Amino acid sequence: MACTLSPDVLVLIFKHLSVELDYESLCNLGLTCRKWRLLSLPCLLERVDVSSHNNGRQPQFEDPDFYPVIYADHSWEYRQLNLIARQRAFIRLLTIRPQLATYVQSLTWTLIWLNVVGDVGLEEIEDEDDGLTEIDRRTWEVLSLLTNVKYLDLASLHEIWEETYVRQNPTILFPAVIDLRLLGWMHRGLVGAIFRSLDVRNLARLRLDYLNDEGALLDQTPMSSSLNHEFISYTRRTKGALDHRAQDLIAQDLCERQTSGEAFIYPGPMWYPLHLLVATTSALSSLTYLQVKIPPINPSIDARSYLTIFRATAGVLLKVSPRLQTLVITLGEHASVYTEKYSDCATSRSRERNENRPWYIKAAAMFLRQIVEALDTGSFPHLTSLRLEGFHVIELANEKEAVNAQLDELWRLIETCRFYSSERAFTKLSSIDHRRVYCGHNKGKANTVAFDDLVRRS
């Protein structure tokens, strides 16, 4: 009886199973006969999820002292053991039958690259394989075939500095995307390829979740943490006092020199995609959902990166005001601002209380001020959902910290903002974040003698 069903009815059944995410039944039906396989295959490949970064907290790995909360979207260690095998199977399938790539409408993928044998945990992991396999080196080729992907959720959680292939992505990637989420630490070439490929006039949803720039030397190889710490000159403990001055941003000419390989790219929160959106001449009137989540402020990161991402977020907010319906802004907060128990070292407690805490408050106040000003300046006729997290630290400021962060002016701006109400308080929601801010890879130390002149120009 089943074999007499018309192809149209069968397709409806297969689509229903795809919507319900019942891939096991869909696979079994595809094995019934050749006809059913051909009809079910487009539905089977319509939504591809070969990822680990949406698994949430990993309580089995948590340690109350060193790792109070472990997130799967924070490290490649917290993943399914068969994830790499599943990714290789998908790549192998599309390598053999590239015509199937047109069926993929939604892709959720975690870039990890290297396989690890054995248990996955916080302990030292051994038995890594010898590197990328032949099928791994077809990854970019296969991903470039996915020209019909409209929903893209892409995370990059690897810390691979010696394998050049992982940064040799195509210049055109996912041109049909209208719903985009990027997470983790990525190299700027990958982010630039995605944003330059898609048509921003059609972009409906954008989520940048704790996106970090891994940094780069002139040859685009990633920067080490030791090199970052040695040469970075604009930090909290040097000359990097946060304020509104335009010269404290990453200037356009520096961005261009970074892109052309004439200046270093320092690791830190990635402002680059927002910068591209602000700079584009195309209208962003189709964007209805905007989410920007920024990792906690780190004294070892170039302060200009934070200043730039604050300003760029406000700039994008103004450009999307005609159609925006939902806005989510999150700034990660340090647990140390809420407790004195985070360290047994008196020197560390003193530094956190007297140096870093005022800096966190000032940065949060600056970011919130720019968001509130953008909300008051733009039209936003359709904005019905507004959620701001991570600005609660402002309410904890003492008198000296309040003066330093100009909080009196900020409170006046907040109270007069048309989107503010007691139910929609801008500083009530905390966002304690235990994610490690990416400061560069920790393998090896480059010879820095040849970099002195370049540092001055970077």
Protein backbone atom coordinates (compact mmCIF):
# COMPACT_ATOMS: atom_id res chain seq x y z
CA MET A 1 0.00 0.00 0.00
CA ALA A 2 2.78 2.43 0.93
CA CYS A 3 4.46 1.95 -2.43
CA THR A 4 1.33 3.16 -4.20
CA LEU A 5 1.41 6.57 -2.51
CA SER A 6 1.99 9.43 -4.92
CA PRO A 7 5.35 11.20 -4.84
CA ASP A 8 3.66 14.40 -3.62
CA VAL A 9 2.23 12.64 -0.57
CA LEU A 10 5.57 11.02 0.18
CA VAL A 11 7.36 14.36 -0.02
CA LEU A 12 4.87 15.84 2.44
CA ILE A 13 5.55 12.95 4.85
CA PHE A 14 9.30 13.36 4.51
CA LYS A 15 9.08 17.14 5.06
CA HIS A 16 6.99 16.60 8.18
CA LEU A 17 9.64 14.27 9.59
CA SER A 18 12.30 16.85 8.77
CA VAL A 19 10.39 19.61 10.56
CA GLU A 20 9.95 17.33 13.57
CA LEU A 21 13.69 16.53 13.45
CA ASP A 22 12.91 12.81 13.29
CA TYR A 23 15.97 12.00 11.23
CA GLU A 24 16.10 8.37 12.35
CA SER A 25 12.70 7.64 10.78
CA LEU A 26 13.63 9.70 7.74
CA CYS A 27 16.81 7.68 7.24
CA ASN A 28 14.98 4.38 7.67
CA LEU A 29 12.34 5.36 5.11
CA GLY A 30 15.07 6.35 2.70
CA LEU A 31 16.44 2.81 2.89
CA THR A 32 13.09 1.29 1.81
CA CYS A 33 13.66 1.61 -1.92
CA ARG A 34 15.53 3.70 -4.47
CA LYS A 35 12.46 5.90 -5.18
CA TRP A 36 11.98 6.76 -1.53
CA ARG A 37 15.67 7.45 -1.08
CA LEU A 38 15.69 9.98 -3.92
CA LEU A 39 12.58 11.68 -2.57
CA SER A 40 13.72 11.75 1.07
CA LEU A 41 17.31 12.88 0.52
CA PRO A 42 16.50 16.60 0.01
CA CYS A 43 14.52 16.59 3.27
CA LEU A 44 17.30 14.74 5.09
CA LEU A 45 19.89 17.32 4.06
CA GLU A 46 17.69 20.38 4.43
CA ARG A 47 18.84 20.94 8.04
CA VAL A 48 22.40 19.86 8.81
CA ASP A 49 23.54 20.06 12.43
CA VAL A 50 27.03 18.71 13.04
CA SER A 51 27.97 20.78 16.04
CA SER A 52 28.74 20.81 19.75
CA HIS A 53 28.53 24.47 20.69
CA ASN A 54 24.83 24.47 21.57
CA ASN A 55 25.09 21.87 24.31
CA GLY A 56 24.98 24.43 27.13
CA ARG A 57 26.60 23.91 30.52
CA GLN A 58 28.70 20.86 31.20
CA PRO A 59 28.23 20.31 34.96
CA GLN A 60 30.25 17.10 34.98
CA PHE A 61 33.38 19.17 34.25
CA GLU A 62 32.77 22.00 36.71
CA ASP A 63 35.17 22.76 39.53
CA PRO A 64 34.00 25.15 42.27
CA ASP A 65 37.39 26.87 42.51
CA PHE A 66 38.80 27.02 38.98
CA TYR A 67 35.92 26.21 36.59
CA PRO A 68 32.64 27.16 38.29
CA VAL A 69 30.66 26.98 35.03
CA ILE A 70 31.75 25.14 31.90
CA TYR A 71 30.09 25.94 28.57
CA ALA A 72 30.20 23.76 25.48
CA ASP A 73 30.37 26.96 23.43
CA HIS A 74 33.65 27.83 25.13
CA SER A 75 36.01 24.99 24.27
CA TRP A 76 36.35 22.12 21.85
CA GLU A 77 36.98 19.77 24.79
CA TYR A 78 33.31 19.61 25.73
CA ARG A 79 31.85 17.84 22.71
CA GLN A 80 30.47 14.55 21.51
CA LEU A 81 33.20 12.00 20.90
CA ASN A 82 31.83 11.20 17.45
CA LEU A 83 31.57 14.80 16.25
CA ILE A 84 34.68 14.78 14.06
CA ALA A 85 33.65 11.45 12.52
CA ARG A 86 30.21 12.87 11.67
CA GLN A 87 31.72 15.98 10.13
CA ARG A 88 34.07 13.87 8.02
CA ALA A 89 31.15 11.70 6.88
CA PHE A 90 29.24 14.78 5.70
CA ILE A 91 32.29 16.16 3.88
CA ARG A 92 32.93 12.77 2.27
CA LEU A 93 29.32 12.55 1.08
CA LEU A 94 29.39 15.95 -0.61
CA THR A 95 32.83 15.30 -2.03
CA ILE A 96 31.44 12.23 -3.79
CA ARG A 97 28.07 13.81 -4.68
CA PRO A 98 28.53 17.61 -4.75
CA GLN A 99 25.10 18.08 -6.35
CA LEU A 100 23.53 17.29 -2.97
CA ALA A 101 24.92 20.55 -1.55
CA THR A 102 22.03 22.52 -3.08
CA TYR A 103 19.58 20.77 -0.71
CA VAL A 104 21.19 22.22 2.44
CA GLN A 105 19.13 25.18 3.69
CA SER A 106 20.32 25.30 7.31
CA LEU A 107 23.82 24.59 8.64
CA THR A 108 24.96 24.39 12.26
CA TRP A 109 28.67 23.58 12.41
CA THR A 110 31.47 23.69 14.99
CA LEU A 111 34.95 24.21 13.56
CA ILE A 112 37.23 21.98 15.63
CA TRP A 113 39.36 20.23 12.98
CA LEU A 114 41.54 17.92 15.09
CA ASN A 115 40.29 14.65 16.51
CA VAL A 116 41.10 13.50 20.03
CA VAL A 117 40.99 9.85 21.02
CA GLY A 118 39.76 8.87 24.44
CA ASP A 119 37.85 10.64 27.15
CA VAL A 120 37.29 14.36 26.93
CA GLY A 121 37.82 16.35 30.11
CA LEU A 122 39.73 19.10 31.82
CA GLU A 123 42.70 16.87 32.49
CA GLU A 124 45.57 16.91 30.05
CA ILE A 125 44.48 15.26 26.81
CA GLU A 126 46.88 12.98 24.99
CA ASP A 127 46.78 10.75 21.94
CA GLU A 128 45.96 13.49 19.45
CA ASP A 129 46.14 12.31 15.91
CA ASP A 130 48.85 13.52 13.52
CA GLY A 131 46.83 16.43 12.22
CA LEU A 132 44.34 17.00 9.44
CA THR A 133 43.42 14.04 7.27
CA GLU A 134 42.88 14.15 3.53
CA ILE A 135 39.13 14.48 3.97
CA ASP A 136 39.60 17.33 6.48
CA ARG A 137 41.42 19.24 3.75
CA ARG A 138 38.26 19.17 1.65
CA THR A 139 36.29 21.08 4.29
CA TRP A 140 36.47 24.53 2.70
CA GLU A 141 35.79 23.06 -0.72
CA VAL A 142 32.60 21.43 0.58
CA LEU A 143 31.43 24.43 2.61
CA SER A 144 31.85 26.64 -0.44
CA LEU A 145 29.32 24.42 -2.25
CA LEU A 146 26.58 25.32 0.26
CA THR A 147 25.32 28.30 -1.72
CA ASN A 148 21.67 27.82 -0.71
CA VAL A 149 22.20 27.96 3.06
CA LYS A 150 19.88 30.59 4.52
CA TYR A 151 20.42 29.81 8.23
CA LEU A 152 24.04 29.60 9.40
CA ASP A 153 25.13 28.93 12.99
CA LEU A 154 28.92 28.69 12.87
CA ALA A 155 31.27 28.34 15.84
CA SER A 156 35.05 28.24 15.86
CA LEU A 157 36.47 26.61 18.98
CA HIS A 158 39.86 25.38 17.86
CA GLU A 159 43.25 26.61 19.03
CA ILE A 160 45.35 25.53 16.06
CA TRP A 161 48.20 27.88 15.22
CA GLU A 162 50.57 25.78 13.09
CA GLU A 163 48.14 24.30 10.52
CA THR A 164 47.75 26.92 7.80
CA TYR A 165 44.85 25.17 6.05
CA VAL A 166 42.31 26.13 8.72
CA ARG A 167 42.74 29.80 7.67
CA GLN A 168 42.74 29.23 3.92
CA ASN A 169 38.99 29.62 3.55
CA PRO A 170 37.44 30.60 0.20
CA THR A 171 36.65 34.25 -0.45
CA ILE A 172 32.99 33.39 -1.14
CA LEU A 173 31.07 31.55 1.57
CA PHE A 174 27.32 31.21 2.22
CA PRO A 175 26.07 33.98 -0.11
CA ALA A 176 22.36 33.19 0.52
CA VAL A 177 22.46 33.60 4.31
CA ILE A 178 19.69 35.72 5.83
CA ASP A 179 19.93 34.40 9.41
CA LEU A 180 23.49 34.41 10.76
CA ARG A 181 25.08 33.47 14.06
CA LEU A 182 28.84 33.50 14.70
CA LEU A 183 30.45 32.32 17.95
CA GLY A 184 33.87 31.71 19.41
CA TRP A 185 37.28 32.94 18.25
CA MET A 186 37.75 33.27 14.51
CA HIS A 187 40.31 34.68 12.14
CA ARG A 188 39.27 37.85 10.40
CA GLY A 189 39.57 36.33 6.93
CA LEU A 190 36.73 33.89 7.62
CA VAL A 191 34.41 36.54 9.05
CA GLY A 192 35.20 38.91 6.20
CA ALA A 193 34.49 36.24 3.58
CA ILE A 194 31.05 35.52 5.05
CA PHE A 195 30.02 39.16 5.37
CA ARG A 196 31.29 40.11 1.94
CA SER A 197 29.49 37.16 0.36
CA LEU A 198 26.01 37.71 1.77
CA ASP A 199 23.65 40.45 0.65
CA VAL A 200 23.19 42.61 3.75
CA ARG A 201 19.97 44.01 2.25
CA ASN A 202 18.40 40.57 2.84
CA LEU A 203 19.89 39.92 6.27
CA ALA A 204 16.99 39.38 8.69
CA ARG A 205 18.66 38.07 11.86
CA LEU A 206 22.20 38.60 13.16
CA ARG A 207 23.74 37.16 16.32
CA LEU A 208 27.37 37.77 17.26
CA ASP A 209 27.89 35.74 20.42
CA TYR A 210 31.15 36.25 22.32
CA LEU A 211 32.97 36.56 19.01
CA ASN A 212 36.73 37.02 19.44
CA ASP A 213 39.42 37.91 16.94
CA GLU A 214 42.29 35.47 17.29
CA GLY A 215 44.74 38.15 16.17
CA ALA A 216 47.30 37.87 13.39
CA LEU A 217 50.84 38.72 12.45
CA LEU A 218 51.66 40.25 9.09
CA ASP A 219 51.56 36.88 7.34
CA GLN A 220 48.10 36.28 8.89
CA THR A 221 49.35 33.54 11.21
CA PRO A 222 47.70 33.81 14.64
CA MET A 223 49.33 35.86 17.36
CA SER A 224 50.62 34.23 20.53
CA SER A 225 49.54 35.43 23.95
CA SER A 226 53.16 36.15 24.88
CA LEU A 227 53.61 38.39 21.84
CA ASN A 228 50.33 40.14 22.55
CA HIS A 229 51.29 40.80 26.17
CA GLU A 230 54.78 42.00 25.27
CA PHE A 231 53.88 44.50 22.59
CA ILE A 232 50.35 45.66 23.25
CA SER A 233 50.55 49.27 24.45
CA TYR A 234 46.94 50.34 24.93
CA THR A 235 45.68 48.49 27.99
CA ARG A 236 44.23 49.29 31.38
CA ARG A 237 47.63 49.21 33.05
CA THR A 238 49.43 51.36 30.47
CA LYS A 239 47.90 54.35 28.72
CA GLY A 240 44.52 52.87 27.94
CA ALA A 241 42.11 55.00 29.95
CA LEU A 242 38.63 54.50 28.50
CA ASP A 243 36.88 57.59 27.21
CA HIS A 244 34.85 58.80 24.25
CA ARG A 245 37.60 60.33 22.15
CA ALA A 246 37.50 59.27 18.51
CA GLN A 247 41.28 58.88 18.36
CA ASP A 248 40.99 56.04 20.87
CA LEU A 249 39.10 53.87 18.37
CA ILE A 250 40.58 51.51 15.80
CA ALA A 251 40.87 54.06 13.00
CA GLN A 252 39.88 53.27 9.43
CA ASP A 253 43.44 53.57 8.15
CA LEU A 254 44.67 51.11 10.79
CA CYS A 255 41.89 48.69 9.84
CA GLU A 256 42.95 48.93 6.19
CA ARG A 257 46.59 48.33 7.08
CA GLN A 258 45.59 45.32 9.16
CA THR A 259 43.61 43.94 6.22
CA SER A 260 46.50 44.45 3.79
CA GLY A 261 49.01 42.83 6.16
CA GLU A 262 50.89 46.00 7.08
CA ALA A 263 49.93 46.02 10.76
CA PHE A 264 49.32 43.49 13.51
CA ILE A 265 45.81 42.40 14.44
CA TYR A 266 45.64 42.05 18.20
CA PRO A 267 43.33 39.45 19.78
CA GLY A 268 40.20 40.55 21.59
CA PRO A 269 36.46 41.08 21.04
CA MET A 270 35.81 41.09 17.30
CA TRP A 271 34.46 44.44 16.18
CA TYR A 272 35.21 43.76 12.50
CA PRO A 273 31.78 42.47 11.28
CA LEU A 274 29.98 45.38 12.93
CA HIS A 275 32.53 47.73 11.37
CA LEU A 276 31.74 46.27 7.94
CA LEU A 277 28.01 46.79 8.48
CA VAL A 278 28.48 50.39 9.58
CA ALA A 279 30.72 51.09 6.59
CA THR A 280 28.43 49.53 3.98
CA THR A 281 26.38 51.85 1.80
CA SER A 282 23.59 49.27 1.56
CA ALA A 283 20.51 49.68 3.70
CA LEU A 284 20.02 47.29 6.62
CA SER A 285 16.27 47.79 6.68
CA SER A 286 15.51 44.04 6.55
CA LEU A 287 17.18 43.25 9.89
CA THR A 288 14.55 42.47 12.52
CA TYR A 289 16.68 40.68 15.15
CA LEU A 290 20.06 41.89 16.46
CA GLN A 291 22.03 40.19 19.23
CA VAL A 292 25.52 41.24 20.31
CA LYS A 293 27.20 39.45 23.21
CA ILE A 294 30.64 40.67 24.26
CA PRO A 295 32.99 38.65 26.46
CA PRO A 296 34.14 40.12 29.79
CA ILE A 297 36.56 43.02 29.65
CA ASN A 298 40.14 41.88 30.12
CA PRO A 299 42.95 44.22 31.25
CA SER A 300 45.34 42.39 28.90
CA ILE A 301 43.30 43.21 25.77
CA ASP A 302 43.81 46.33 23.67
CA ALA A 303 41.26 48.76 25.14
CA ARG A 304 40.63 50.21 21.68
CA SER A 305 38.97 46.92 20.69
CA TYR A 306 36.31 47.47 23.35
CA LEU A 307 35.89 51.13 22.43
CA THR A 308 35.49 50.20 18.79
CA ILE A 309 32.97 47.41 19.33
CA PHE A 310 30.94 49.69 21.61
CA ARG A 311 30.81 52.41 18.98
CA ALA A 312 30.22 49.99 16.11
CA THR A 313 27.32 48.31 17.95
CA ALA A 314 25.63 51.69 18.41
CA GLY A 315 26.30 52.52 14.77
CA VAL A 316 24.68 49.32 13.52
CA LEU A 317 21.78 49.88 15.88
CA LEU A 318 21.03 53.20 14.17
CA LYS A 319 21.22 51.62 10.72
CA VAL A 320 18.74 48.85 11.56
CA SER A 321 16.23 51.01 13.42
CA PRO A 322 13.51 51.03 10.67
CA ARG A 323 12.60 47.35 11.00
CA LEU A 324 14.25 46.10 14.19
CA GLN A 325 11.87 44.13 16.41
CA THR A 326 14.22 42.43 18.90
CA LEU A 327 17.45 43.71 20.44
CA VAL A 328 19.67 41.73 22.82
CA ILE A 329 22.87 43.30 24.16
CA THR A 330 25.05 41.42 26.66
CA LEU A 331 28.33 42.48 28.25
CA GLY A 332 30.03 39.73 30.23
CA GLU A 333 30.66 40.59 33.86
CA HIS A 334 33.46 39.32 36.08
CA ALA A 335 32.35 37.34 39.10
CA SER A 336 34.96 39.23 41.12
CA VAL A 337 32.89 42.44 41.06
CA TYR A 338 30.25 40.72 43.16
CA THR A 339 32.44 38.98 45.71
CA GLU A 340 35.66 39.42 47.64
CA LYS A 341 36.14 35.63 47.90
CA TYR A 342 37.45 35.04 44.40
CA SER A 343 41.12 34.98 45.45
CA ASP A 344 43.20 34.20 48.55
CA CYS A 345 45.90 36.62 47.41
CA ALA A 346 45.64 40.03 49.10
CA THR A 347 47.54 41.70 46.24
CA SER A 348 45.11 40.28 43.68
CA ARG A 349 42.11 41.38 45.73
CA SER A 350 43.54 44.87 46.09
CA ARG A 351 44.26 45.18 42.36
CA GLU A 352 40.82 43.91 41.45
CA ARG A 353 39.12 46.29 43.88
CA ASN A 354 41.23 49.41 43.24
CA GLU A 355 42.22 49.06 39.57
CA ASN A 356 40.07 46.63 37.62
CA ARG A 357 36.66 47.12 39.23
CA PRO A 358 36.53 50.89 38.47
CA TRP A 359 37.58 50.06 34.93
CA TYR A 360 34.79 47.47 34.53
CA ILE A 361 32.22 49.99 35.80
CA LYS A 362 33.47 52.75 33.51
CA ALA A 363 33.46 50.45 30.47
CA ALA A 364 29.93 49.19 31.20
CA ALA A 365 28.72 52.76 31.68
CA MET A 366 30.31 53.88 28.42
CA PHE A 367 28.75 51.01 26.46
CA LEU A 368 25.32 51.52 27.98
CA ARG A 369 25.48 55.26 27.33
CA GLN A 370 26.11 54.66 23.63
CA ILE A 371 23.26 52.14 23.41
CA VAL A 372 20.83 54.49 25.15
CA GLU A 373 21.85 57.39 22.90
CA ALA A 374 21.29 55.21 19.82
CA LEU A 375 17.87 54.14 21.10
CA ASP A 376 16.89 57.79 21.55
CA THR A 377 18.28 58.85 18.17
CA GLY A 378 16.82 56.11 15.95
CA SER A 379 13.17 55.70 15.06
CA PHE A 380 12.62 52.02 16.07
CA PRO A 381 8.88 51.92 15.25
CA HIS A 382 8.75 48.11 15.56
CA LEU A 383 11.08 47.46 18.52
CA THR A 384 9.00 45.41 20.97
CA SER A 385 11.61 43.20 22.67
CA LEU A 386 14.61 44.81 24.35
CA ARG A 387 16.95 42.94 26.67
CA LEU A 388 20.14 44.42 28.14
CA GLU A 389 22.35 42.21 30.33
CA GLY A 390 25.63 42.72 32.11
CA PHE A 391 25.22 46.34 33.20
CA HIS A 392 24.20 45.57 36.78
CA VAL A 393 27.74 46.33 37.95
CA ILE A 394 26.90 50.02 37.42
CA GLU A 395 24.51 49.90 40.38
CA LEU A 396 27.33 48.72 42.65
CA ALA A 397 29.52 51.79 42.06
CA ASN A 398 30.65 53.76 45.09
CA GLU A 399 30.82 57.56 45.02
CA LYS A 400 34.32 57.74 43.58
CA GLU A 401 33.58 55.11 40.91
CA ALA A 402 30.34 56.91 40.00
CA VAL A 403 32.18 60.17 39.43
CA ASN A 404 34.88 58.43 37.42
CA ALA A 405 32.26 56.78 35.16
CA GLN A 406 30.05 59.92 34.95
CA LEU A 407 27.07 57.93 36.20
CA ASP A 408 24.93 60.98 37.04
CA GLU A 409 24.80 61.86 33.36
CA LEU A 410 24.07 58.23 32.44
CA TRP A 411 21.15 57.96 34.90
CA ARG A 412 19.60 61.10 33.39
CA LEU A 413 19.91 59.60 29.89
CA ILE A 414 18.35 56.33 31.04
CA GLU A 415 15.42 57.98 32.80
CA THR A 416 14.53 60.06 29.76
CA CYS A 417 14.91 57.19 27.27
CA ARG A 418 11.53 56.36 25.73
CA PHE A 419 12.23 52.64 25.98
CA TYR A 420 12.97 52.70 29.69
CA SER A 421 10.46 51.55 32.29
CA SER A 422 10.56 49.85 35.65
CA GLU A 423 9.66 46.57 33.93
CA ARG A 424 12.36 47.09 31.32
CA ALA A 425 15.21 48.16 33.54
CA PHE A 426 18.54 48.56 31.77
CA THR A 427 20.78 47.65 34.72
CA LYS A 428 18.85 44.97 36.59
CA LEU A 429 20.10 41.88 34.77
CA SER A 430 23.60 40.69 35.58
CA SER A 431 25.60 38.45 33.25
CA ILE A 432 28.40 36.79 35.20
CA ASP A 433 30.56 35.13 32.59
CA HIS A 434 33.27 32.56 33.29
CA ARG A 435 34.40 32.25 29.68
CA ARG A 436 38.08 32.85 29.09
CA VAL A 437 38.71 35.91 26.96
CA TYR A 438 40.94 34.91 24.07
CA CYS A 439 44.33 36.67 24.36
CA GLY A 440 46.23 34.65 21.75
CA HIS A 441 47.47 31.09 21.54
CA ASN A 442 49.82 29.77 24.21
CA LYS A 443 52.26 27.81 22.07
CA GLY A 444 55.77 29.11 21.64
CA LYS A 445 57.23 32.59 21.61
CA ALA A 446 58.24 34.28 18.39
CA ASN A 447 61.46 36.24 17.88
CA THR A 448 60.35 39.79 18.61
CA VAL A 449 63.45 41.72 17.51
CA ALA A 450 62.17 42.17 13.96
CA PHE A 451 58.80 43.44 15.18
CA ASP A 452 59.86 46.66 16.92
CA ASP A 453 59.16 48.98 13.98
CA LEU A 454 55.96 47.15 13.10
CA VAL A 455 54.65 47.54 16.64
CA ARG A 456 54.96 51.30 16.39
CA ARG A 457 52.92 51.23 13.16
CA SER A 458 50.29 48.82 14.56
